[in-house]
Structure formats: structure tokens, C-alpha cells
Protein backbone atom coordinates (compact mmCIF):
# COMPACT_ATOMS: atom_id res chain seq x y z
CA MET A 1 129.42 152.75 152.50
CA ASN A 2 126.87 149.85 152.29
CA THR A 3 124.55 149.83 149.33
CA PRO A 4 120.86 149.67 150.51
CA SER A 5 119.04 146.49 149.86
CA PRO A 6 116.47 146.62 146.99
CA PRO A 7 112.80 146.76 148.03
CA LEU A 8 111.26 143.35 148.40
CA SER A 9 108.51 144.45 145.98
CA ARG A 10 111.13 144.84 143.22
CA LEU A 11 112.66 141.53 143.99
CA LEU A 12 109.20 139.87 143.86
CA GLU A 13 108.49 141.45 140.50
CA GLN A 14 111.70 140.09 139.01
CA THR A 15 111.21 136.69 140.69
CA ALA A 16 107.76 136.40 139.26
CA ASP A 17 109.23 137.17 135.79
CA ALA A 18 111.77 134.41 136.37
CA VAL A 19 109.14 131.91 137.24
CA GLN A 20 107.11 132.95 134.22
CA ALA A 21 110.20 132.57 132.01
CA VAL A 22 110.87 129.01 133.34
CA ARG A 23 107.30 128.08 132.82
CA GLY A 24 107.81 129.21 129.22
CA GLY A 25 110.79 127.01 128.77
CA GLN A 26 113.70 129.33 129.49
CA SER A 27 116.45 128.22 131.91
CA LEU A 28 116.79 130.22 135.13
CA THR A 29 120.57 130.61 134.49
CA ASP A 30 119.93 132.29 131.16
CA TRP A 31 117.21 134.56 132.60
CA LEU A 32 119.32 135.61 135.60
CA ALA A 33 122.17 136.66 133.25
CA ARG A 34 119.88 139.47 132.06
CA CYS A 35 118.54 140.43 135.51
CA PRO A 36 119.86 143.80 136.85
CA PRO A 37 123.06 143.08 138.70
CA ASP A 38 121.95 144.79 141.94
CA LEU A 39 118.85 142.57 142.08
CA ARG A 40 120.40 139.31 140.92
CA PRO A 41 121.49 137.73 144.21
CA GLY A 42 118.14 138.35 145.90
CA VAL A 43 116.12 137.28 142.90
CA GLN A 44 118.16 134.09 142.61
CA ALA A 45 117.57 133.19 146.21
CA LEU A 46 113.83 133.85 145.94
CA ALA A 47 113.50 132.07 142.56
CA PHE A 48 115.24 129.01 143.93
CA HIS A 49 112.78 128.85 146.76
CA ALA A 50 109.78 129.52 144.52
CA LEU A 51 110.77 126.81 142.03
CA ARG A 52 111.33 124.26 144.80
CA TRP A 53 107.80 124.70 145.96
CA LEU A 54 106.16 125.59 142.65
CA GLY A 55 104.13 122.36 142.60
CA SER A 56 102.46 123.04 145.94
CA ALA A 57 101.96 126.72 145.09
CA THR A 58 100.35 125.81 141.76
CA GLU A 59 98.06 123.33 143.33
CA VAL A 60 96.93 125.59 146.16
CA ARG A 61 96.40 128.47 143.73
CA ALA A 62 94.05 126.22 141.71
CA ARG A 63 92.09 125.64 145.00
CA LEU A 64 91.99 129.28 145.88
CA ALA A 65 91.32 130.60 142.34
CA PRO A 66 90.10 127.79 140.04
CA LYS A 67 90.13 130.11 136.91
CA THR A 68 93.73 130.58 135.95
CA PRO A 69 94.69 134.30 136.01
CA PRO A 70 96.68 135.91 133.22
CA PRO A 71 100.32 134.59 133.14
CA ALA A 72 101.94 137.64 134.77
CA VAL A 73 99.36 137.69 137.61
CA ASP A 74 99.59 133.94 138.06
CA ALA A 75 103.39 134.04 138.19
CA LEU A 76 103.37 136.70 140.91
CA LEU A 77 100.66 134.87 142.79
CA VAL A 78 102.34 131.41 142.84
CA THR A 79 105.65 133.06 143.68
CA ALA A 80 104.13 134.66 146.74
CA LEU A 81 102.34 131.42 147.69
CA ALA A 82 105.48 129.42 147.41
CA LEU A 83 107.30 131.90 149.70
CA LEU A 84 104.44 131.57 152.22
CA TRP A 85 104.34 127.77 151.96
CA PRO A 86 104.95 125.96 155.29
CA VAL A 87 108.17 124.04 154.87
CA PRO A 88 108.86 121.60 157.80
CA GLY A 89 112.04 122.56 159.60
CA GLN A 90 112.50 125.85 157.78
CA ALA A 91 111.55 129.31 158.83
CA PRO A 92 109.76 131.31 156.16
CA PRO A 93 112.04 133.75 154.31
CA TYR A 94 109.85 136.74 155.34
CA ALA A 95 107.13 137.50 157.90
CA ASP A 96 103.70 136.80 156.50
CA HIS A 97 102.39 140.35 156.63
CA THR A 98 105.59 141.72 154.99
CA LEU A 99 105.37 139.25 152.11
CA VAL A 100 101.72 139.94 151.43
CA ASP A 101 102.20 143.64 151.61
CA GLN A 102 105.16 143.64 149.26
CA ALA A 103 103.48 141.25 146.79
CA VAL A 104 100.50 143.63 146.56
CA SER A 105 102.96 146.49 146.02
CA ALA A 106 104.62 144.50 143.26
CA ALA A 107 101.20 143.95 141.72
CA ARG A 108 100.44 147.64 141.79
CA LEU A 109 103.67 148.28 139.92
CA ARG A 110 103.18 145.50 137.29
CA VAL A 111 99.44 144.73 137.03
CA PRO A 112 97.53 147.33 139.10
CA ALA A 113 94.13 145.93 138.34
CA ALA A 114 95.13 142.61 140.02
CA ALA A 115 96.43 144.05 143.26
CA GLY A 116 93.11 143.53 145.06
CA PHE A 117 92.72 139.98 143.76
CA ILE A 118 96.26 139.03 144.89
CA ASN A 119 95.72 140.59 148.32
CA ALA A 120 92.47 138.64 148.82
CA VAL A 121 93.95 135.25 147.69
CA LEU A 122 97.05 135.57 149.86
CA ARG A 123 95.12 136.61 152.93
CA ARG A 124 92.74 133.76 152.52
CA PHE A 125 95.62 131.41 152.20
CA LEU A 126 97.08 132.64 155.49
CA ARG A 127 93.75 132.20 157.24
CA GLU A 128 93.32 128.63 155.98
CA ARG A 129 97.00 127.71 155.48
CA ASP A 130 97.15 124.47 157.53
CA ALA A 131 94.01 122.99 155.97
CA LEU A 132 94.97 124.05 152.47
CA ALA A 133 98.46 122.65 152.86
CA ALA A 134 97.09 119.32 154.08
CA ALA A 135 94.68 119.16 151.14
CA THR A 136 97.33 120.14 148.62
CA ARG A 137 99.72 117.39 149.83
CA THR A 138 97.21 114.72 148.86
CA SER A 139 98.15 115.27 145.19
CA PRO A 140 101.45 113.97 143.82
CA LEU A 141 102.34 117.47 142.41
CA GLY A 142 101.52 119.16 145.63
CA ALA A 143 103.32 116.58 147.77
CA PHE A 144 106.56 116.22 145.81
CA ASN A 145 106.89 119.37 143.74
CA HIS A 146 107.94 117.63 140.55
CA PRO A 147 105.99 116.98 137.31
CA LEU A 148 103.90 113.79 137.35
CA TRP A 149 106.00 112.08 134.65
CA TRP A 150 109.17 112.77 136.70
CA ILE A 151 107.61 111.31 139.86
CA GLU A 152 106.56 108.19 137.96
CA ARG A 153 109.96 107.68 136.42
CA VAL A 154 111.74 107.97 139.80
CA LYS A 155 109.18 105.64 141.39
CA ARG A 156 109.77 103.08 138.59
CA ASP A 157 113.58 103.34 138.70
CA TRP A 158 113.93 103.42 142.56
CA PRO A 159 110.87 101.79 144.06
CA GLN A 160 112.38 101.67 147.54
CA GLN A 161 113.89 105.25 147.55
CA TRP A 162 111.60 107.25 145.33
CA GLN A 163 109.93 109.36 148.04
CA ALA A 164 113.28 110.06 149.76
CA LEU A 165 114.80 111.12 146.40
CA LEU A 166 111.99 113.50 145.58
CA THR A 167 111.99 115.00 149.03
CA ALA A 168 115.79 115.42 149.05
CA ALA A 169 115.60 117.34 145.76
CA ASN A 170 114.01 120.26 147.66
CA LEU A 171 116.79 120.49 150.26
CA HIS A 172 119.52 123.10 150.04
CA PRO A 173 122.75 121.60 148.63
CA PRO A 174 126.10 122.01 150.34
CA MET A 175 128.91 124.16 149.06
CA THR A 176 131.81 121.85 148.38
CA LEU A 177 135.24 122.91 147.35
CA ARG A 178 138.11 121.16 145.50
CA VAL A 179 141.52 122.26 146.70
CA ASN A 180 144.10 122.40 143.87
CA ALA A 181 146.43 119.43 144.48
CA ARG A 182 149.29 121.44 142.94
CA ARG A 183 148.82 124.15 145.53
CA GLY A 184 147.93 122.46 148.84
CA THR A 185 145.83 119.86 150.67
CA GLY A 186 142.28 119.86 151.84
CA SER A 187 143.25 119.55 155.47
CA HIS A 188 145.59 122.60 155.20
CA TYR A 189 142.82 124.58 153.56
CA VAL A 190 140.37 123.63 156.34
CA GLN A 191 142.84 124.88 158.90
CA GLY A 192 143.21 128.13 156.99
CA LEU A 193 139.49 128.68 156.99
CA ALA A 194 139.28 128.02 160.68
CA ALA A 195 141.90 130.68 161.34
CA LEU A 196 139.53 133.08 159.53
CA GLY A 197 136.55 131.96 161.56
CA ARG A 198 134.89 129.96 158.86
CA HIS A 199 134.02 126.36 159.68
CA ALA A 200 134.58 123.57 157.11
CA SER A 201 135.15 119.85 157.03
CA LEU A 202 137.34 117.52 155.01
CA LEU A 203 135.46 114.82 153.17
CA ASP A 204 137.90 112.03 153.87
CA ASP A 205 135.73 108.94 154.50
CA PRO A 206 136.00 106.63 151.48
CA ALA A 207 133.09 104.52 152.68
CA ARG A 208 130.79 107.51 152.42
CA PHE A 209 132.28 109.51 149.56
CA GLY A 210 134.70 107.31 147.69
CA ASP A 211 138.35 108.33 147.21
CA LEU A 212 138.40 112.15 146.94
CA GLY A 213 142.19 112.38 147.22
CA GLY A 214 142.13 114.43 150.41
CA GLN A 215 141.15 117.55 148.45
CA ALA A 216 137.38 117.85 149.01
CA VAL A 217 136.15 120.40 151.59
CA VAL A 218 132.52 121.14 152.49
CA LEU A 219 131.63 124.51 154.09
CA ALA A 220 129.32 124.73 157.03
CA GLN A 221 127.74 127.77 155.46
CA PRO A 222 127.91 128.69 151.79
CA CYS A 223 129.54 131.98 150.83
CA PRO A 224 130.45 134.03 147.70
CA VAL A 225 133.59 132.76 146.03
CA THR A 226 135.13 136.19 146.61
CA GLN A 227 135.27 135.31 150.28
CA LEU A 228 137.25 132.13 149.70
CA PRO A 229 140.93 132.60 150.45
CA GLY A 230 143.03 131.84 147.39
CA PHE A 231 140.14 131.49 144.96
CA ALA A 232 141.28 134.20 142.52
CA GLU A 233 144.79 132.74 142.74
CA GLY A 234 143.62 129.25 141.72
CA GLU A 235 144.09 127.54 145.09
CA VAL A 236 140.53 126.26 145.25
CA SER A 237 137.44 125.69 143.07
CA VAL A 238 133.79 125.02 143.73
CA GLN A 239 132.80 121.49 142.74
CA ASP A 240 130.36 118.96 144.16
CA ALA A 241 131.87 115.91 145.87
CA ALA A 242 130.24 113.49 143.37
CA ALA A 243 131.62 115.50 140.39
CA GLN A 244 135.14 115.42 142.02
CA ARG A 245 135.14 111.64 141.59
CA ALA A 246 135.35 111.82 137.82
CA ALA A 247 138.99 112.70 137.40
CA LEU A 248 140.10 110.31 140.09
CA LEU A 249 138.09 107.43 138.61
CA LEU A 250 139.44 108.04 135.09
CA LEU A 251 143.08 108.01 136.28
CA GLN A 252 142.79 105.29 138.95
CA GLY A 253 145.29 102.50 138.21
CA LEU A 254 146.17 103.69 134.67
CA GLU A 255 149.73 104.75 135.46
CA LEU A 256 149.79 107.25 132.63
CA ALA A 257 153.11 108.61 131.51
CA PRO A 258 153.61 112.39 131.49
CA GLY A 259 152.11 113.78 128.34
CA ALA A 260 149.56 111.02 127.94
CA ARG A 261 146.72 111.90 125.55
CA VAL A 262 143.38 112.43 127.26
CA LEU A 263 140.09 113.63 125.84
CA ASP A 264 137.55 115.43 127.95
CA ALA A 265 134.47 115.33 125.78
CA CYS A 266 131.63 117.69 126.59
CA ALA A 267 134.03 119.57 128.76
CA ALA A 268 132.25 122.82 129.63
CA PRO A 269 132.31 124.50 132.03
CA GLY A 270 135.64 122.90 132.78
CA GLY A 271 135.62 121.72 136.39
CA LYS A 272 136.56 118.18 135.54
CA THR A 273 139.06 119.37 132.85
CA ALA A 274 140.89 121.37 135.47
CA HIS A 275 140.81 118.61 138.07
CA LEU A 276 142.51 116.22 135.59
CA LEU A 277 145.29 118.72 135.00
CA GLU A 278 145.65 119.35 138.74
CA LEU A 279 146.25 115.65 139.21
CA ALA A 280 148.54 114.72 136.32
CA ASP A 281 150.69 116.11 133.47
CA LEU A 282 148.53 115.42 130.48
CA ASP A 283 148.24 116.30 126.78
CA LEU A 284 144.50 117.08 127.27
CA LEU A 285 142.00 117.93 124.62
CA ALA A 286 138.89 119.69 126.01
CA LEU A 287 136.06 119.34 123.56
CA ASP A 288 132.69 120.98 123.63
CA SER A 289 130.00 121.61 121.03
CA ASP A 290 129.28 125.11 122.31
CA PRO A 291 132.01 127.73 121.67
CA VAL A 292 130.50 130.13 124.22
CA ARG A 293 130.60 127.49 126.92
CA LEU A 294 134.09 126.50 125.86
CA ALA A 295 135.19 130.03 126.70
CA ARG A 296 134.26 129.34 130.33
CA VAL A 297 136.66 126.33 130.22
CA GLN A 298 139.44 128.68 129.22
CA GLU A 299 138.55 131.16 131.99
CA ASN A 300 138.75 128.34 134.58
CA LEU A 301 142.07 127.16 133.25
CA ASN A 302 143.46 130.69 133.30
CA ARG A 303 142.50 131.19 136.93
CA LEU A 304 144.09 127.88 137.84
CA GLN A 305 147.19 128.44 135.70
CA LEU A 306 146.63 125.25 133.72
CA LYS A 307 146.95 124.53 130.02
CA ALA A 308 144.91 122.37 127.64
CA THR A 309 143.95 122.35 123.96
CA LEU A 310 140.41 123.56 123.49
CA LYS A 311 138.30 122.67 120.45
CA ALA A 312 134.66 123.37 119.53
CA GLY A 313 133.21 120.23 118.04
CA ASP A 314 130.51 117.54 118.22
CA GLY A 315 131.76 114.41 120.00
CA ARG A 316 129.48 112.34 117.78
CA ARG A 317 131.43 113.42 114.67
CA PRO A 318 135.20 112.90 115.41
CA GLN A 319 136.06 113.28 111.71
CA ALA A 320 135.53 117.04 112.02
CA TRP A 321 138.05 117.50 114.94
CA TRP A 322 140.11 114.38 115.68
CA ASP A 323 143.72 114.22 114.42
CA GLY A 324 143.71 110.41 114.13
CA LYS A 325 145.96 109.80 117.13
CA PRO A 326 144.33 107.53 119.73
CA PHE A 327 143.74 108.64 123.32
CA ASP A 328 145.01 106.83 126.46
CA ALA A 329 141.81 107.79 128.31
CA ILE A 330 138.49 109.57 127.57
CA LEU A 331 136.14 111.24 129.95
CA LEU A 332 132.60 111.35 128.59
CA ASP A 333 130.51 113.57 130.87
CA ALA A 334 127.50 113.16 128.66
CA PRO A 335 124.60 115.59 128.22
CA CYS A 336 121.72 114.40 130.37
CA THR A 337 118.50 115.42 132.15
CA ALA A 338 120.47 116.74 135.15
CA SER A 339 117.95 114.87 137.36
CA GLY A 340 120.70 114.24 139.93
CA ILE A 341 121.48 117.94 140.53
CA VAL A 342 117.94 119.31 140.57
CA ARG A 343 118.44 120.70 144.10
CA ARG A 344 121.12 122.96 142.64
CA HIS A 345 119.04 123.73 139.60
CA PRO A 346 115.40 123.65 140.69
CA ASP A 347 114.25 124.93 137.36
CA VAL A 348 115.38 121.73 135.53
CA ARG A 349 112.35 119.68 136.80
CA TRP A 350 109.96 122.23 135.16
CA LEU A 351 111.96 122.55 131.94
CA ARG A 352 112.34 118.92 131.13
CA ARG A 353 109.64 116.91 129.32
CA ALA A 354 109.09 113.20 129.48
CA ASP A 355 110.37 112.57 125.97
CA ASP A 356 113.67 114.37 126.76
CA VAL A 357 114.93 111.30 128.66
CA MET A 358 114.94 109.02 125.59
CA ALA A 359 116.15 111.82 123.31
CA LEU A 360 119.10 112.41 125.55
CA ALA A 361 119.70 108.72 125.94
CA ARG A 362 120.07 108.43 122.15
CA THR A 363 122.64 111.27 122.20
CA GLN A 364 124.58 109.43 124.91
CA ALA A 365 124.58 106.22 122.94
CA GLU A 366 125.80 108.04 119.86
CA LEU A 367 128.64 109.66 121.89
CA LEU A 368 129.69 106.32 123.29
CA GLU A 369 129.69 104.70 119.77
CA ALA A 370 131.71 107.58 118.25
CA LEU A 371 134.30 108.06 120.98
CA PHE A 372 135.05 104.52 122.06
CA PRO A 373 136.99 103.75 118.77
CA LEU A 374 139.28 106.71 119.54
CA LEU A 375 140.75 104.90 122.53
CA LYS A 376 144.13 103.01 122.36
CA PRO A 377 143.88 99.27 123.00
CA GLY A 378 143.83 98.89 126.74
CA GLY A 379 142.58 102.42 127.17
CA ARG A 380 139.73 103.52 129.42
CA LEU A 381 136.51 105.53 128.81
CA LEU A 382 134.74 106.86 131.90
CA TYR A 383 131.05 107.49 131.22
CA ALA A 384 129.40 109.96 133.55
CA THR A 385 125.96 111.64 133.86
CA CYS A 386 124.57 113.83 136.60
CA SER A 387 121.31 111.85 136.45
CA VAL A 388 119.42 109.42 138.71
CA PHE A 389 117.43 108.00 135.77
CA ARG A 390 118.49 104.42 134.94
CA ASP A 391 118.07 104.98 131.17
CA GLU A 392 120.94 107.49 131.40
CA GLY A 393 123.00 105.22 133.66
CA GLN A 394 123.36 101.47 133.91
CA ARG A 395 120.81 100.73 131.21
CA GLN A 396 122.81 102.81 128.81
CA ILE A 397 126.03 100.95 129.62
CA ASP A 398 124.37 97.54 129.50
CA ALA A 399 123.14 98.31 126.01
CA PHE A 400 126.58 99.48 124.91
CA LEU A 401 128.27 96.33 126.23
CA GLN A 402 125.71 94.13 124.49
CA ARG A 403 126.48 95.88 121.22
CA HIS A 404 130.19 95.36 121.57
CA GLY A 405 130.41 92.07 123.37
CA PRO A 406 132.93 90.95 125.94
CA GLY A 407 135.76 90.62 123.39
CA LYS A 408 135.94 94.39 122.72
CA ALA A 409 134.78 96.21 125.89
CA MET A 410 134.66 95.40 129.58
CA GLN A 411 133.07 97.27 132.47
CA GLU A 412 135.54 97.76 135.26
CA PRO A 413 134.42 97.30 138.92
CA HIS A 414 136.06 100.40 140.43
CA ALA A 415 133.46 102.93 139.25
CA PRO A 416 130.50 103.17 141.65
CA GLY A 417 127.54 103.12 139.21
CA HIS A 418 124.56 105.12 140.49
CA LEU A 419 125.16 107.62 143.33
CA LEU A 420 121.88 108.73 144.91
CA PRO A 421 121.70 111.98 146.89
CA LEU A 422 119.67 110.50 149.73
CA PRO A 423 119.51 112.28 153.12
CA ASP A 424 119.31 109.03 155.03
CA ASN A 425 121.89 106.95 153.13
CA ARG A 426 125.30 107.42 154.78
CA ALA A 427 126.93 104.97 152.37
CA LEU A 428 126.10 107.39 149.59
CA GLY A 429 127.26 110.49 151.46
CA ALA A 430 124.94 112.08 153.97
CA ASP A 431 126.10 114.26 156.89
CA ALA A 432 124.90 113.96 160.45
CA ARG A 433 122.37 116.75 159.97
CA GLY A 434 120.52 114.72 157.27
CA ALA A 435 121.49 116.61 154.08
CA ALA A 436 123.22 114.65 151.33
CA LEU A 437 126.77 115.79 150.83
CA GLN A 438 127.01 114.79 147.18
CA ASP A 439 124.77 115.08 144.18
CA GLY A 440 123.19 112.32 142.13
CA PHE A 441 125.55 110.90 139.53
CA PHE A 442 126.33 107.80 137.53
CA TYR A 443 129.80 106.49 136.73
CA ALA A 444 130.88 103.49 134.59
CA SER A 445 134.40 102.72 133.51
CA ILE A 446 134.85 100.82 130.25
CA ARG A 447 138.16 99.28 129.26
CA LYS A 448 138.98 98.68 125.61
CA ALA A 449 140.37 95.20 124.88
CA ARG A 450 144.04 94.97 124.00
CA ASP A 451 144.92 93.77 120.50
CA PRO A 452 145.33 89.96 120.38
């Protein structure tokens, strides 16, 4: 027996609460964890849409109601405006009259005195939508749906691509899978999906995606993981194509012996940890500063039937967790702004502040300085961030190499540097329909000099 869908008015109530929470500095992921389970999928979908177009909705609300309403009323209003916003090439999630009717119903439940106000504003927006949208798009916030400081930083870092990058951040990301190399191949998994009537493609073009080892599969349509054959048994995991490059880049050309010591610093939630263990027999230490997030690493390893040593600790303070034995290789997937994965986490742009970039860059530099000495001579450290900001990418590595000099550390050429999720850049991984098939990332490989 099918469970009836929750009323749209209840979903809008909860979505407005989510938007208000993000505006107050709370991550959408944390907020959704407390959302009623029966409402969570619908609220997540609506919240993602609302947060992608929150800049436009905020700007047009200011035109329609210059005096800012109370926070709860404003959150419901901008949520409804975002869901009514005309997105080129996309059908609206609900019919106009349905959305307005249900937003008013939500207001009657939450803030009854504001129901008439919300009804009047939304109906005026529908009457004047084309003109209001055109006027709103003349402002940077209304045009690009990112904070002004973010827009300026992307423009400075990528003067030729900045508009494409900001536009791409509002597209829906693909659902990409990593087939467990110990259990099968990507091509075999694609065939299995086809037999079930689900279309998928193997990402096997190195010129577009780099070497993904024949294990990366992108679905034509996203689906719950419970619908993926073999997911529960560890045959497949969900991981973006750009993130799948980490393990392969770390191991490329190292010829590590079985049992080689590898450190995965900042390991949670464990996708890259698991990928390393799928590819090689390693003595792997998965480190993370958050014990709660470290538990997710163990859950992933259990599902995939893989083993590693897990420790809670700060990578900047090895004296608290390191046993003194050097590592053959280190993966440093450093904390960053997540500016390269904002299409997957549309709340990030509204949570970050301009000074977060340099604060995180300082943490990244501290991690590099603390972890590089833990390598064996001739060992490799792969530095990664899911960011498109240069201060978290090549500028960070340039500064590190200047501090250490050519006699101690060398940047290797096989790592790709900045990967930009551009819809029109096939070399960086875009499909024929125009959606980038990998997230924004940065990779640099640093080799430690051998002893003289």
C-alpha cells in the first residue's frame, strides 16, 4: 500500500524553516537530519531549488515588499518566489495557482496574520513576472544567485570563465557511481543496469575525465541508492567523477608493495578511503578530527567489506596520534570552502563568509606543513580540495613549494591542478546535453626528495 504524499503546504512550511535556518548559519544537511522522515525527501528537493534561486527571490521580494517582513514570513515568501521563478529550460516544480494556494495555506498554519500579505505579493509577482525577472537580473545577486563577495572572487580568479562557473553552479549535478574494483567493472555494471531498464554510461574518455580506471558510471536519471543493484552488498558506491580521481592519482606510478603505509588525512565520510582500499592492499590509517564523522567512514568500510585503522585526531598535530613510522603516501583532502561542489550543496554559498577563504587557507597550509614530514623519502603527498578558488588550490601549493625549496619537495606533473565544472568545457568533463559531469576540484601531487 502506497503512503500518501504529504500536503504541499506542509512541505512549504518545512522548506521555509530550512531556508530560515540556512540564513541563520545552519547547514542544510544538519537541519534535514531533524526534519520528519516522511517529509525529508520532498523538503530536500524544494530546499535545493529554493537555495539555488534564493538570490533572485530575495531581490524580487525587496522590489515587491521593500520593508523586510519578519524572518518566518520572509522565509516562506522567498521560498515561494524561488519556486515560481522562471528558470530557462526548466519547467516549474508546481503549477502557479497550486503553489500560491499552498503557500497561503502554509502561512495560515504558521503565521495566520501574514496569509493575505503573502497572497497579494505572490499574485502580483505572477502578473508582472517577466518584467520583474528582467529587472532583478540587472543586479549581480539577482543574476547569479551567489553573495557579492563570492561573485567577485570567482570573477578575479577566472576572468574568462566566471559567468559560466556561476551559472553552472545552479544546474542539477549528475549521479555518478564508483564500481568496486574488487567486485566488478564499470562496463559490466552498466550492462546490468540496462537489463533492469535503467540507462547509464561509462565515463571512459581520459581526455575528458582523466583516468577513472574503468569504474566510473553516470546514471541518466538519479535514483535512491536502495534502487542500485548490489549497493547494500558493497558492489557500488556514489562518488563524483572528480572525487574518484584522488585514489588513482595518489597511487599512480608508485608501485607500492602490499601492506604499504598510507595516510588518508581528513578522511570522513570515507569515499576516498574506500576507493584506495578497493585498488590496493594497504596498511591504511584513516584520520579525521570529528569522531562522529569518523563513524561514517567505518559504516562505509563495513558495507564494502574493507578494513582500515581509524583514528580521531587533528592532522595539524601529529604528535597526538602518529606512531613515528613514516608513510609511503598521504592523501590530504583538506577542509575548504566547498566552492567546487556548490551545485550539490546549494546552501554552502549562503553559509560561507568572505573571510572564510583565508581562514581555511591557513588551515590547509598548517596541514601541509604538519603532514609532509611524515612521508618517507621519495614518498608522495596528494593535496586535494573541492574548491574552485585559487587561494585553496595552486596558490596554496606555490606558497608551500616556495617555503620548502626545490631540494625538498617537487610538484609532479600528473595531477591535473584545477578542474572546473563548466558546462561548455568538454576537456574538463561536460556531456553532450551541456551539464558538467564532474565537480570542481583541485589536485596537486608533491614528491618528497630522497635522502642524498
